[in-house]
C-alpha atoms as a PDB file:
ATOM      1  CA  MET A   1     127.285 132.891  89.176  1.00  0.00           C
ATOM      2  CA  SER A   2     124.643 135.551  88.673  1.00  0.00           C
ATOM      3  CA  PRO A   3     121.161 135.268  90.201  1.00  0.00           C
ATOM      4  CA  GLU A   4     119.682 134.680  86.726  1.00  0.00           C
ATOM      5  CA  GLU A   5     122.082 131.798  86.053  1.00  0.00           C
ATOM      6  CA  ARG A   6     121.372 130.344  89.493  1.00  0.00           C
ATOM      7  CA  GLU A   7     117.620 130.487  88.889  1.00  0.00           C
ATOM      8  CA  LYS A   8     118.041 128.905  85.443  1.00  0.00           C
ATOM      9  CA  LYS A   9     120.088 126.067  86.942  1.00  0.00           C
ATOM     10  CA  ARG A  10     117.533 125.583  89.744  1.00  0.00           C
ATOM     11  CA  ARG A  11     114.659 125.333  87.246  1.00  0.00           C
ATOM     12  CA  TRP A  12     116.651 122.852  85.168  1.00  0.00           C
ATOM     13  CA  MET A  13     117.261 120.660  88.263  1.00  0.00           C
ATOM     14  CA  VAL A  14     113.575 120.805  89.254  1.00  0.00           C
ATOM     15  CA  GLU A  15     112.561 119.682  85.747  1.00  0.00           C
ATOM     16  CA  TYR A  16     115.261 116.985  85.717  1.00  0.00           C
ATOM     17  CA  ASN A  17     114.087 115.577  89.071  1.00  0.00           C
ATOM     18  CA  ARG A  18     110.450 115.650  87.936  1.00  0.00           C
ATOM     19  CA  ARG A  19     111.296 113.686  84.788  1.00  0.00           C
ATOM     20  CA  ARG A  20     113.415 111.186  86.711  1.00  0.00           C
ATOM     21  CA  LYS A  21     110.590 110.570  89.181  1.00  0.00           C
ATOM     22  CA  ALA A  22     108.064 110.177  86.348  1.00  0.00           C
ATOM     23  CA  SER A  23     110.372 107.702  84.616  1.00  0.00           C
ATOM     24  CA  ALA A  24     110.636 105.574  87.770  1.00  0.00           C
ATOM     25  CA  ALA A  25     106.863 105.609  88.171  1.00  0.00           C
ATOM     26  CA  LYS A  26     106.380 104.606  84.538  1.00  0.00           C
ATOM     27  CA  ALA A  27     108.781 101.677  84.940  1.00  0.00           C
ATOM     28  CA  ALA A  28     107.105 100.372  88.128  1.00  0.00           C
ATOM     29  CA  GLN A  29     103.456 100.802  87.109  1.00  0.00           C
ATOM     30  CA  PRO A  30     103.245  97.891  84.586  1.00  0.00           C
ATOM     31  CA  ASP A  31     104.321  95.467  87.324  1.00  0.00           C
ATOM     32  CA  LEU A  32     101.725  96.971  89.650  1.00  0.00           C
ATOM     33  CA  ASP A  33      99.076  96.632  86.939  1.00  0.00           C
ATOM     34  CA  ALA A  34      99.874  92.922  86.631  1.00  0.00           C
ATOM     35  CA  LEU A  35      99.675  92.499  90.409  1.00  0.00           C
ATOM     36  CA  ASN A  36      96.372  94.399  90.467  1.00  0.00           C
ATOM     37  CA  ALA A  37      94.958  92.084  87.791  1.00  0.00           C
ATOM     38  CA  ILE A  38      95.939  88.980  89.790  1.00  0.00           C
ATOM     39  CA  TYR A  39      94.719  90.138  93.200  1.00  0.00           C
ATOM     40  CA  GLY A  40      91.856  92.409  92.139  1.00  0.00           C
ATOM     41  CA  THR A  41      93.422  95.437  93.831  1.00  0.00           C
ATOM     42  CA  ARG A  42      93.983  99.027  92.633  1.00  0.00           C
ATOM     43  CA  PHE A  43      97.441 100.018  93.834  1.00  0.00           C
ATOM     44  CA  ARG A  44      99.543 102.644  92.046  1.00  0.00           C
ATOM     45  CA  TYR A  45     103.141 103.821  92.327  1.00  0.00           C
ATOM     46  CA  GLY A  46     103.631 106.388  95.095  1.00  0.00           C
ATOM     47  CA  GLN A  47     100.324 105.592  96.810  1.00  0.00           C
ATOM     48  CA  GLN A  48     100.221 105.823 100.604  1.00  0.00           C
ATOM     49  CA  VAL A  49      99.142 102.574 102.298  1.00  0.00           C
ATOM     50  CA  THR A  50      98.830 101.321 105.860  1.00  0.00           C
ATOM     51  CA  VAL A  51     100.676  98.089 106.692  1.00  0.00           C
ATOM     52  CA  THR A  52     100.702  96.725 110.262  1.00  0.00           C
ATOM     53  CA  GLY A  53      99.300 100.030 111.493  1.00  0.00           C
ATOM     54  CA  ARG A  54     102.025 102.203 109.958  1.00  0.00           C
ATOM     55  CA  ARG A  55     102.075 104.433 106.880  1.00  0.00           C
ATOM     56  CA  TYR A  56     104.197 103.439 103.880  1.00  0.00           C
ATOM     57  CA  THR A  57     104.600 104.445 100.226  1.00  0.00           C
ATOM     58  CA  ILE A  58     104.374 101.892  97.395  1.00  0.00           C
ATOM     59  CA  ILE A  59     107.605 101.770  95.387  1.00  0.00           C
ATOM     60  CA  GLY A  60     107.009  98.694  93.229  1.00  0.00           C
ATOM     61  CA  VAL A  61     106.479  94.941  93.057  1.00  0.00           C
ATOM     62  CA  LYS A  62     108.812  92.081  93.918  1.00  0.00           C
ATOM     63  CA  TRP A  63     108.578  88.581  92.412  1.00  0.00           C
ATOM     64  CA  GLY A  64     105.202  89.451  90.911  1.00  0.00           C
ATOM     65  CA  ALA A  65     103.309  88.758  94.135  1.00  0.00           C
ATOM     66  CA  TRP A  66     104.703  91.105  96.804  1.00  0.00           C
ATOM     67  CA  LEU A  67     104.315  94.871  97.209  1.00  0.00           C
ATOM     68  CA  ARG A  68     107.535  96.799  97.817  1.00  0.00           C
ATOM     69  CA  VAL A  69     106.944  99.633 100.272  1.00  0.00           C
ATOM     70  CA  LYS A  70     109.079 102.166 102.121  1.00  0.00           C
ATOM     71  CA  ASN A  71     108.494 104.385 105.127  1.00  0.00           C
ATOM     72  CA  LYS A  72     109.404 108.058 105.469  1.00  0.00           C
ATOM     73  CA  ASP A  73     112.834 107.101 106.903  1.00  0.00           C
ATOM     74  CA  GLY A  74     113.653 105.115 103.760  1.00  0.00           C
ATOM     75  CA  LYS A  75     113.336 101.625 105.283  1.00  0.00           C
ATOM     76  CA  LYS A  76     112.103  99.255 102.553  1.00  0.00           C
ATOM     77  CA  PHE A  77     110.408  95.879 102.811  1.00  0.00           C
ATOM     78  CA  VAL A  78     107.846  93.705 101.041  1.00  0.00           C
ATOM     79  CA  CYS A  79     104.332  92.708 102.073  1.00  0.00           C
ATOM     80  CA  ARG A  80     101.390  90.829 100.623  1.00  0.00           C
ATOM     81  CA  PRO A  81      98.836  92.992  98.784  1.00  0.00           C
ATOM     82  CA  TYR A  82      96.069  91.845 101.143  1.00  0.00           C
ATOM     83  CA  ASP A  83      98.044  93.230 104.121  1.00  0.00           C
ATOM     84  CA  ALA A  84      98.157  96.766 102.676  1.00  0.00           C
ATOM     85  CA  TYR A  85      95.220  99.150 102.981  1.00  0.00           C
ATOM     86  CA  PRO A  86      94.888 102.553 101.301  1.00  0.00           C
ATOM     87  CA  VAL A  87      95.279 105.504 103.659  1.00  0.00           C
ATOM     88  CA  ILE A  88      92.048 107.361 104.311  1.00  0.00           C
ATOM     89  CA  ASN A  89      92.279 111.062 105.180  1.00  0.00           C
ATOM     90  CA  LEU A  90      89.496 112.277 107.442  1.00  0.00           C
ATOM     91  CA  PHE A  91      88.321 115.866 107.116  1.00  0.00           C
ATOM     92  CA  GLY A  92      86.044 115.815 110.132  1.00  0.00           C
ATOM     93  CA  THR A  93      85.097 113.711 113.114  1.00  0.00           C
ATOM     94  CA  VAL A  94      83.826 110.189 112.460  1.00  0.00           C
ATOM     95  CA  THR A  95      81.625 108.590 115.122  1.00  0.00           C
ATOM     96  CA  PHE A  96      80.641 104.929 115.305  1.00  0.00           C
ATOM     97  CA  ASP A  97      78.887 102.909 118.026  1.00  0.00           C
ATOM     98  CA  GLY A  98      81.572 102.924 120.673  1.00  0.00           C
ATOM     99  CA  TRP A  99      84.331 105.158 119.371  1.00  0.00           C
ATOM    100  CA  THR A 100      85.166 108.479 117.713  1.00  0.00           C
ATOM    101  CA  MET A 101      88.075 109.372 115.430  1.00  0.00           C
ATOM    102  CA  GLY A 102      89.131 112.927 114.634  1.00  0.00           C
ATOM    103  CA  PRO A 103      91.046 114.293 111.631  1.00  0.00           C
ATOM    104  CA  ASN A 104      94.349 113.945 113.494  1.00  0.00           C
ATOM    105  CA  GLY A 105      93.855 110.156 113.658  1.00  0.00           C
ATOM    106  CA  LYS A 106      93.351 109.918 117.420  1.00  0.00           C
ATOM    107  CA  LEU A 107      90.893 107.235 118.450  1.00  0.00           C
ATOM    108  CA  LYS A 108      88.602 107.865 121.428  1.00  0.00           C
ATOM    109  CA  ILE A 109      86.732 104.871 122.802  1.00  0.00           C
ATOM    110  CA  LYS A 110      83.672 105.401 124.990  1.00  0.00           C
ATOM    111  CA  LYS A 111      83.855 103.472 128.242  1.00  0.00           C
ATOM    112  CA  GLY A 112      80.961 101.748 129.952  1.00  0.00           C
END
């Protein structure tokens, strides 16, 4: 296989995977829209959320009332929409009364 043919095949696979991912998102979003209308939330397919202190990605809805999420290792489970919080990316240092959080997510609590 020549380099030109290889590059053509690679581009075709990239486009195929992009379309497949878009199709999955399109199929899951109507269910998420219904869930958002019921609970007054604004979740979308592929959004990063924090559940029980860990980061997950939304992959859909189950039984019309549960969010389906997965972690980076591929473990999937469901949770209530009120238990999921959107991930907030910090670009600087945030300081409150007794603690400071940097962009890396480390929390420093002032003692005394």
